[in-house]
Amino acid sequence: MFVSDLIHHDIRCWNAPLINEIFLPFEAQQILQLPISFSQLQDEFVWGASQSAIFSVKSSYHFLKARREADGSHSSMQNNNHRVWKKLWKIKSIPRHIHFWRILHEKLLVKNDLFKKGISSDPLCVLCGEHNETISHLLMECH
């Protein structure tokens, strides 16, 4: 199913009964609050951080690096890790290293993060059910 399947195109509004049937109540409420564009242009994927407008890990790396430097958050720790990152990006493997990067930078979504964003109704770990599911809990603390 596509987002366009959730819209009454003739009157340019959400198909509320369908959305309420498919999604959880809090999800449906958030979707129904989103404005619908009156433009008839086709959507297209565009990545503004590269000249070709095509996303790549390399372009996102350079984008984030430039943003950090502009924010003044370029630390000595980053300088020390430069050689490690350089070797990591040269590894010829399936994109497992992307998950490694996400874990190191706490960008891998876990139940605690989803709970904070209102996407999940429960922050507890699916394995033990005793503590909030965070990256550190999952990888180091959960029995």
N, C-alpha and C. Protein backbone atom coordinates (compact mmCIF):
# COMPACT_ATOMS: atom_id res chain seq x y z
N MET A 1 0.84 -1.18 0.00
CA MET A 1 0.00 0.00 0.00
C MET A 1 0.88 1.25 0.00
N PHE A 2 0.43 2.28 -0.68
CA PHE A 2 1.14 3.55 -0.75
C PHE A 2 0.34 4.63 -0.03
N VAL A 3 1.00 5.71 0.32
CA VAL A 3 0.31 6.84 0.95
C VAL A 3 -0.81 7.33 0.06
N SER A 4 -0.57 7.34 -1.24
CA SER A 4 -1.61 7.82 -2.17
C SER A 4 -2.89 7.00 -2.09
N ASP A 5 -2.79 5.74 -1.62
CA ASP A 5 -3.99 4.91 -1.46
C ASP A 5 -4.85 5.37 -0.29
N LEU A 6 -4.29 6.21 0.58
CA LEU A 6 -5.00 6.69 1.76
C LEU A 6 -5.68 8.04 1.54
N ILE A 7 -5.64 8.52 0.32
CA ILE A 7 -6.16 9.86 0.00
C ILE A 7 -7.33 9.76 -0.97
N HIS A 8 -8.38 10.54 -0.72
CA HIS A 8 -9.46 10.74 -1.70
C HIS A 8 -8.95 11.79 -2.68
N HIS A 9 -8.50 11.37 -3.84
CA HIS A 9 -7.86 12.30 -4.78
C HIS A 9 -8.85 13.29 -5.39
N ASP A 10 -10.09 12.91 -5.52
CA ASP A 10 -11.07 13.81 -6.12
C ASP A 10 -11.37 15.01 -5.23
N ILE A 11 -11.35 14.83 -3.91
CA ILE A 11 -11.64 15.96 -3.01
C ILE A 11 -10.40 16.36 -2.19
N ARG A 12 -9.26 15.73 -2.45
CA ARG A 12 -7.97 16.06 -1.83
C ARG A 12 -8.05 16.07 -0.30
N CYS A 13 -8.52 14.94 0.26
CA CYS A 13 -8.52 14.80 1.72
C CYS A 13 -8.20 13.35 2.06
N TRP A 14 -7.87 13.12 3.33
CA TRP A 14 -7.55 11.77 3.79
C TRP A 14 -8.79 10.89 3.77
N ASN A 15 -8.61 9.62 3.50
CA ASN A 15 -9.67 8.63 3.60
C ASN A 15 -9.69 8.18 5.06
N ALA A 16 -10.37 8.95 5.91
CA ALA A 16 -10.35 8.74 7.36
C ALA A 16 -10.84 7.35 7.77
N PRO A 17 -11.93 6.83 7.21
CA PRO A 17 -12.37 5.49 7.62
C PRO A 17 -11.30 4.42 7.36
N LEU A 18 -10.63 4.50 6.21
CA LEU A 18 -9.59 3.53 5.89
C LEU A 18 -8.40 3.69 6.84
N ILE A 19 -7.98 4.91 7.10
CA ILE A 19 -6.86 5.17 8.00
C ILE A 19 -7.17 4.66 9.40
N ASN A 20 -8.39 4.93 9.89
CA ASN A 20 -8.78 4.46 11.22
C ASN A 20 -8.87 2.93 11.30
N GLU A 21 -9.14 2.30 10.17
CA GLU A 21 -9.22 0.84 10.13
C GLU A 21 -7.83 0.20 10.14
N ILE A 22 -6.88 0.82 9.45
CA ILE A 22 -5.55 0.23 9.28
C ILE A 22 -4.61 0.52 10.45
N PHE A 23 -4.65 1.75 10.96
CA PHE A 23 -3.67 2.19 11.93
C PHE A 23 -4.21 2.20 13.36
N LEU A 24 -3.29 2.20 14.31
CA LEU A 24 -3.66 2.37 15.71
C LEU A 24 -4.23 3.77 15.89
N PRO A 25 -5.07 3.99 16.90
CA PRO A 25 -5.71 5.30 17.07
C PRO A 25 -4.75 6.48 17.11
N PHE A 26 -3.64 6.36 17.86
CA PHE A 26 -2.73 7.50 17.93
C PHE A 26 -2.00 7.74 16.61
N GLU A 27 -1.76 6.66 15.85
CA GLU A 27 -1.14 6.81 14.53
C GLU A 27 -2.12 7.47 13.56
N ALA A 28 -3.36 7.00 13.58
CA ALA A 28 -4.38 7.56 12.69
C ALA A 28 -4.57 9.05 12.97
N GLN A 29 -4.58 9.42 14.24
CA GLN A 29 -4.76 10.83 14.61
C GLN A 29 -3.62 11.67 14.05
N GLN A 30 -2.39 11.16 14.15
CA GLN A 30 -1.25 11.92 13.62
C GLN A 30 -1.30 12.03 12.10
N ILE A 31 -1.69 10.96 11.43
CA ILE A 31 -1.78 10.99 9.97
C ILE A 31 -2.83 11.98 9.52
N LEU A 32 -3.99 11.95 10.16
CA LEU A 32 -5.10 12.81 9.76
C LEU A 32 -4.81 14.29 9.99
N GLN A 33 -3.82 14.60 10.83
CA GLN A 33 -3.43 15.99 11.07
C GLN A 33 -2.46 16.52 10.01
N LEU A 34 -1.88 15.62 9.22
CA LEU A 34 -0.94 16.06 8.18
C LEU A 34 -1.67 16.74 7.05
N PRO A 35 -1.17 17.90 6.61
CA PRO A 35 -1.81 18.57 5.47
C PRO A 35 -1.53 17.84 4.16
N ILE A 36 -2.46 17.89 3.26
CA ILE A 36 -2.30 17.28 1.94
C ILE A 36 -2.02 18.39 0.95
N SER A 37 -1.01 18.21 0.14
CA SER A 37 -0.63 19.21 -0.86
C SER A 37 -1.69 19.28 -1.96
N PHE A 38 -1.96 20.48 -2.39
CA PHE A 38 -2.89 20.65 -3.50
C PHE A 38 -2.16 20.63 -4.84
N SER A 39 -0.85 20.52 -4.79
CA SER A 39 -0.04 20.43 -6.00
C SER A 39 -0.25 19.06 -6.64
N GLN A 40 -0.33 19.02 -7.94
CA GLN A 40 -0.52 17.76 -8.65
C GLN A 40 0.81 17.18 -9.14
N LEU A 41 1.92 17.71 -8.64
CA LEU A 41 3.23 17.22 -9.06
C LEU A 41 3.49 15.83 -8.50
N GLN A 42 4.19 15.03 -9.26
CA GLN A 42 4.59 13.71 -8.80
C GLN A 42 5.69 13.85 -7.74
N ASP A 43 5.63 13.03 -6.70
CA ASP A 43 6.70 13.01 -5.71
C ASP A 43 7.94 12.38 -6.33
N GLU A 44 9.08 12.82 -5.86
CA GLU A 44 10.33 12.20 -6.28
C GLU A 44 11.32 12.26 -5.14
N PHE A 45 12.24 11.29 -5.12
CA PHE A 45 13.26 11.25 -4.09
C PHE A 45 14.40 12.18 -4.48
N VAL A 46 14.75 13.09 -3.56
CA VAL A 46 15.83 14.03 -3.81
C VAL A 46 16.67 14.12 -2.55
N TRP A 47 17.97 14.01 -2.71
CA TRP A 47 18.91 14.15 -1.60
C TRP A 47 19.67 15.45 -1.83
N GLY A 48 19.37 16.45 -1.03
CA GLY A 48 19.93 17.78 -1.23
C GLY A 48 21.40 17.92 -0.88
N ALA A 49 22.00 16.89 -0.28
CA ALA A 49 23.39 17.01 0.15
C ALA A 49 24.38 16.51 -0.90
N SER A 50 23.90 16.22 -2.10
CA SER A 50 24.81 15.84 -3.17
C SER A 50 24.40 16.55 -4.46
N GLN A 51 25.36 16.77 -5.33
CA GLN A 51 25.07 17.47 -6.58
C GLN A 51 24.15 16.66 -7.49
N SER A 52 24.25 15.33 -7.40
CA SER A 52 23.42 14.47 -8.26
C SER A 52 22.00 14.29 -7.72
N ALA A 53 21.74 14.74 -6.49
CA ALA A 53 20.46 14.59 -5.81
C ALA A 53 20.17 13.13 -5.46
N ILE A 54 21.19 12.28 -5.55
CA ILE A 54 21.04 10.86 -5.23
C ILE A 54 21.75 10.58 -3.91
N PHE A 55 21.05 9.88 -3.00
CA PHE A 55 21.62 9.58 -1.69
C PHE A 55 22.74 8.55 -1.81
N SER A 56 23.79 8.75 -1.03
CA SER A 56 24.83 7.74 -0.85
C SER A 56 25.35 7.87 0.57
N VAL A 57 25.91 6.80 1.08
CA VAL A 57 26.48 6.83 2.43
C VAL A 57 27.61 7.86 2.46
N LYS A 58 28.38 7.91 1.39
CA LYS A 58 29.50 8.86 1.33
C LYS A 58 29.00 10.30 1.43
N SER A 59 27.93 10.63 0.68
CA SER A 59 27.42 12.01 0.72
C SER A 59 26.83 12.33 2.09
N SER A 60 26.19 11.35 2.73
CA SER A 60 25.64 11.61 4.06
C SER A 60 26.75 11.77 5.09
N TYR A 61 27.82 11.02 4.94
CA TYR A 61 28.98 11.15 5.83
C TYR A 61 29.56 12.56 5.71
N HIS A 62 29.76 13.02 4.49
CA HIS A 62 30.33 14.36 4.28
C HIS A 62 29.38 15.45 4.77
N PHE A 63 28.09 15.24 4.58
CA PHE A 63 27.10 16.19 5.07
C PHE A 63 27.16 16.31 6.59
N LEU A 64 27.15 15.17 7.28
CA LEU A 64 27.19 15.18 8.75
C LEU A 64 28.51 15.74 9.27
N LYS A 65 29.59 15.41 8.60
CA LYS A 65 30.91 15.91 9.01
C LYS A 65 30.94 17.44 8.88
N ALA A 66 30.44 17.96 7.77
CA ALA A 66 30.42 19.42 7.57
C ALA A 66 29.51 20.10 8.59
N ARG A 67 28.40 19.48 8.89
CA ARG A 67 27.47 20.05 9.86
C ARG A 67 28.08 20.09 11.27
N ARG A 68 28.78 19.03 11.63
CA ARG A 68 29.44 19.01 12.94
C ARG A 68 30.50 20.10 13.03
N GLU A 69 31.27 20.24 11.97
CA GLU A 69 32.32 21.26 11.98
C GLU A 69 31.71 22.66 12.05
N ALA A 70 30.60 22.86 11.35
CA ALA A 70 29.93 24.17 11.37
C ALA A 70 29.34 24.46 12.76
N ASP A 71 28.89 23.41 13.44
CA ASP A 71 28.33 23.58 14.78
C ASP A 71 29.41 23.74 15.84
N GLY A 72 30.67 23.52 15.47
CA GLY A 72 31.76 23.63 16.43
C GLY A 72 31.87 22.42 17.34
N SER A 73 31.25 21.31 16.96
CA SER A 73 31.29 20.12 17.82
C SER A 73 32.34 19.12 17.35
N HIS A 74 33.30 19.57 16.58
CA HIS A 74 34.38 18.72 16.10
C HIS A 74 35.37 18.53 17.24
N SER A 75 35.37 17.37 17.87
CA SER A 75 36.17 17.17 19.08
C SER A 75 37.45 16.40 18.81
N SER A 76 38.31 16.36 19.83
CA SER A 76 39.56 15.61 19.71
C SER A 76 39.28 14.12 19.62
N MET A 77 38.17 13.68 20.22
CA MET A 77 37.80 12.28 20.13
C MET A 77 37.55 11.89 18.68
N GLN A 78 36.92 12.78 17.91
CA GLN A 78 36.69 12.50 16.49
C GLN A 78 38.02 12.39 15.75
N ASN A 79 38.96 13.25 16.09
CA ASN A 79 40.28 13.19 15.45
C ASN A 79 40.97 11.87 15.75
N ASN A 80 40.85 11.40 17.00
CA ASN A 80 41.48 10.14 17.38
C ASN A 80 40.84 8.95 16.67
N ASN A 81 39.56 9.05 16.39
CA ASN A 81 38.85 7.94 15.75
C ASN A 81 38.92 7.99 14.22
N HIS A 82 39.54 9.01 13.68
CA HIS A 82 39.57 9.17 12.22
C HIS A 82 40.15 7.95 11.51
N ARG A 83 41.26 7.41 12.03
CA ARG A 83 41.89 6.24 11.39
C ARG A 83 40.97 5.03 11.45
N VAL A 84 40.25 4.86 12.58
CA VAL A 84 39.34 3.73 12.72
C VAL A 84 38.21 3.84 11.70
N TRP A 85 37.62 5.04 11.58
CA TRP A 85 36.53 5.23 10.62
C TRP A 85 37.01 5.03 9.19
N LYS A 86 38.21 5.49 8.89
CA LYS A 86 38.75 5.34 7.55
C LYS A 86 38.84 3.85 7.18
N LYS A 87 39.33 3.03 8.11
CA LYS A 87 39.42 1.59 7.88
C LYS A 87 38.03 0.97 7.77
N LEU A 88 37.12 1.42 8.62
CA LEU A 88 35.77 0.88 8.62
C LEU A 88 35.08 1.09 7.27
N TRP A 89 35.21 2.30 6.71
CA TRP A 89 34.55 2.59 5.44
C TRP A 89 35.17 1.83 4.27
N LYS A 90 36.40 1.35 4.42
CA LYS A 90 37.06 0.60 3.34
C LYS A 90 36.73 -0.89 3.36
N ILE A 91 36.05 -1.36 4.41
CA ILE A 91 35.72 -2.78 4.50
C ILE A 91 34.79 -3.17 3.35
N LYS A 92 35.16 -4.24 2.66
CA LYS A 92 34.33 -4.75 1.57
C LYS A 92 33.42 -5.84 2.13
N SER A 93 32.21 -5.46 2.50
CA SER A 93 31.26 -6.41 3.06
C SER A 93 29.85 -5.91 2.81
N ILE A 94 28.90 -6.73 3.22
CA ILE A 94 27.52 -6.25 3.16
C ILE A 94 27.39 -5.11 4.16
N PRO A 95 26.40 -4.26 4.04
CA PRO A 95 26.35 -3.03 4.84
C PRO A 95 26.11 -3.21 6.35
N ARG A 96 26.74 -4.20 6.96
CA ARG A 96 26.62 -4.37 8.40
C ARG A 96 27.26 -3.22 9.15
N HIS A 97 28.30 -2.64 8.57
CA HIS A 97 28.99 -1.54 9.26
C HIS A 97 28.08 -0.33 9.43
N ILE A 98 27.04 -0.22 8.63
CA ILE A 98 26.09 0.88 8.80
C ILE A 98 25.36 0.72 10.14
N HIS A 99 24.99 -0.52 10.47
CA HIS A 99 24.35 -0.77 11.76
C HIS A 99 25.32 -0.49 12.90
N PHE A 100 26.58 -0.84 12.71
CA PHE A 100 27.61 -0.56 13.71
C PHE A 100 27.69 0.95 13.95
N TRP A 101 27.68 1.74 12.87
CA TRP A 101 27.71 3.20 12.98
C TRP A 101 26.48 3.69 13.74
N ARG A 102 25.31 3.13 13.40
CA ARG A 102 24.07 3.54 14.06
C ARG A 102 24.11 3.23 15.56
N ILE A 103 24.66 2.08 15.92
CA ILE A 103 24.77 1.70 17.33
C ILE A 103 25.70 2.66 18.05
N LEU A 104 26.88 2.93 17.46
CA LEU A 104 27.85 3.83 18.10
C LEU A 104 27.30 5.23 18.31
N HIS A 105 26.46 5.70 17.40
CA HIS A 105 25.93 7.05 17.48
C HIS A 105 24.50 7.08 18.02
N GLU A 106 24.07 5.95 18.58
CA GLU A 106 22.73 5.82 19.16
C GLU A 106 21.64 6.27 18.19
N LYS A 107 21.76 5.83 16.94
CA LYS A 107 20.78 6.17 15.90
C LYS A 107 19.91 4.97 15.54
N LEU A 108 20.17 3.82 16.16
CA LEU A 108 19.37 2.63 15.92
C LEU A 108 18.14 2.72 16.82
N LEU A 109 16.96 2.77 16.22
CA LEU A 109 15.74 2.95 17.02
C LEU A 109 15.41 1.69 17.80
N VAL A 110 15.21 1.87 19.09
CA VAL A 110 14.80 0.80 19.98
C VAL A 110 13.50 1.23 20.64
N LYS A 111 12.87 0.33 21.39
CA LYS A 111 11.54 0.61 21.93
C LYS A 111 11.49 1.87 22.79
N ASN A 112 12.54 2.15 23.55
CA ASN A 112 12.55 3.35 24.39
C ASN A 112 12.46 4.61 23.53
N ASP A 113 13.20 4.64 22.40
CA ASP A 113 13.15 5.78 21.48
C ASP A 113 11.77 5.90 20.84
N LEU A 114 11.22 4.77 20.42
CA LEU A 114 9.90 4.77 19.79
C LEU A 114 8.83 5.24 20.78
N PHE A 115 8.98 4.86 22.05
CA PHE A 115 8.05 5.29 23.09
C PHE A 115 8.12 6.81 23.26
N LYS A 116 9.33 7.37 23.29
CA LYS A 116 9.51 8.81 23.44
C LYS A 116 8.88 9.59 22.29
N LYS A 117 8.88 8.97 21.08
CA LYS A 117 8.32 9.64 19.90
C LYS A 117 6.82 9.39 19.75
N GLY A 118 6.24 8.62 20.68
CA GLY A 118 4.81 8.33 20.63
C GLY A 118 4.44 7.27 19.62
N ILE A 119 5.41 6.49 19.16
CA ILE A 119 5.15 5.45 18.16
C ILE A 119 4.85 4.12 18.83
N SER A 120 5.45 3.87 19.99
CA SER A 120 5.22 2.65 20.74
C SER A 120 4.55 3.00 22.06
N SER A 121 3.70 2.12 22.54
CA SER A 121 3.02 2.38 23.80
C SER A 121 3.76 1.79 24.99
N ASP A 122 4.88 1.11 24.73
CA ASP A 122 5.59 0.41 25.80
C ASP A 122 7.10 0.52 25.57
N PRO A 123 7.87 1.06 26.54
CA PRO A 123 9.31 1.18 26.36
C PRO A 123 10.10 -0.03 26.85
N LEU A 124 9.42 -1.04 27.40
CA LEU A 124 10.13 -2.16 28.03
C LEU A 124 10.77 -3.10 27.01
N CYS A 125 11.89 -3.67 27.42
CA CYS A 125 12.66 -4.61 26.60
C CYS A 125 11.81 -5.83 26.24
N VAL A 126 11.86 -6.23 24.98
CA VAL A 126 11.08 -7.39 24.54
C VAL A 126 11.69 -8.69 25.04
N LEU A 127 12.97 -8.67 25.39
CA LEU A 127 13.63 -9.90 25.84
C LEU A 127 13.39 -10.18 27.32
N CYS A 128 13.59 -9.17 28.18
CA CYS A 128 13.45 -9.39 29.62
C CYS A 128 12.18 -8.78 30.20
N GLY A 129 11.65 -7.74 29.59
CA GLY A 129 10.44 -7.09 30.07
C GLY A 129 10.60 -6.35 31.39
N GLU A 130 11.85 -6.17 31.84
CA GLU A 130 12.10 -5.56 33.15
C GLU A 130 12.62 -4.12 33.07
N HIS A 131 13.37 -3.81 32.03
CA HIS A 131 14.01 -2.50 31.91
C HIS A 131 13.63 -1.87 30.57
N ASN A 132 13.79 -0.56 30.48
CA ASN A 132 13.55 0.11 29.21
C ASN A 132 14.54 -0.41 28.17
N GLU A 133 14.02 -0.62 26.95
CA GLU A 133 14.85 -1.14 25.88
C GLU A 133 15.66 0.00 25.27
N THR A 134 16.93 0.08 25.66
CA THR A 134 17.88 1.03 25.08
C THR A 134 18.97 0.22 24.39
N ILE A 135 19.79 0.89 23.60
CA ILE A 135 20.86 0.17 22.92
C ILE A 135 21.81 -0.45 23.93
N SER A 136 22.21 0.33 24.95
CA SER A 136 23.14 -0.21 25.94
C SER A 136 22.51 -1.36 26.71
N HIS A 137 21.21 -1.26 27.02
CA HIS A 137 20.56 -2.38 27.72
C HIS A 137 20.58 -3.64 26.86
N LEU A 138 20.20 -3.52 25.59
CA LEU A 138 20.14 -4.67 24.71
C LEU A 138 21.51 -5.33 24.51
N LEU A 139 22.53 -4.50 24.30
CA LEU A 139 23.84 -5.05 23.95
C LEU A 139 24.71 -5.41 25.15
N MET A 140 24.48 -4.78 26.30
CA MET A 140 25.40 -5.02 27.41
C MET A 140 24.74 -5.46 28.71
N GLU A 141 23.50 -5.06 28.95
CA GLU A 141 22.92 -5.27 30.27
C GLU A 141 21.86 -6.37 30.32
N CYS A 142 21.15 -6.61 29.24
CA CYS A 142 20.06 -7.57 29.26
C CYS A 142 20.59 -9.00 29.41
N HIS A 143 20.02 -9.72 30.36
CA HIS A 143 20.47 -11.09 30.57
C HIS A 143 19.92 -12.02 29.52
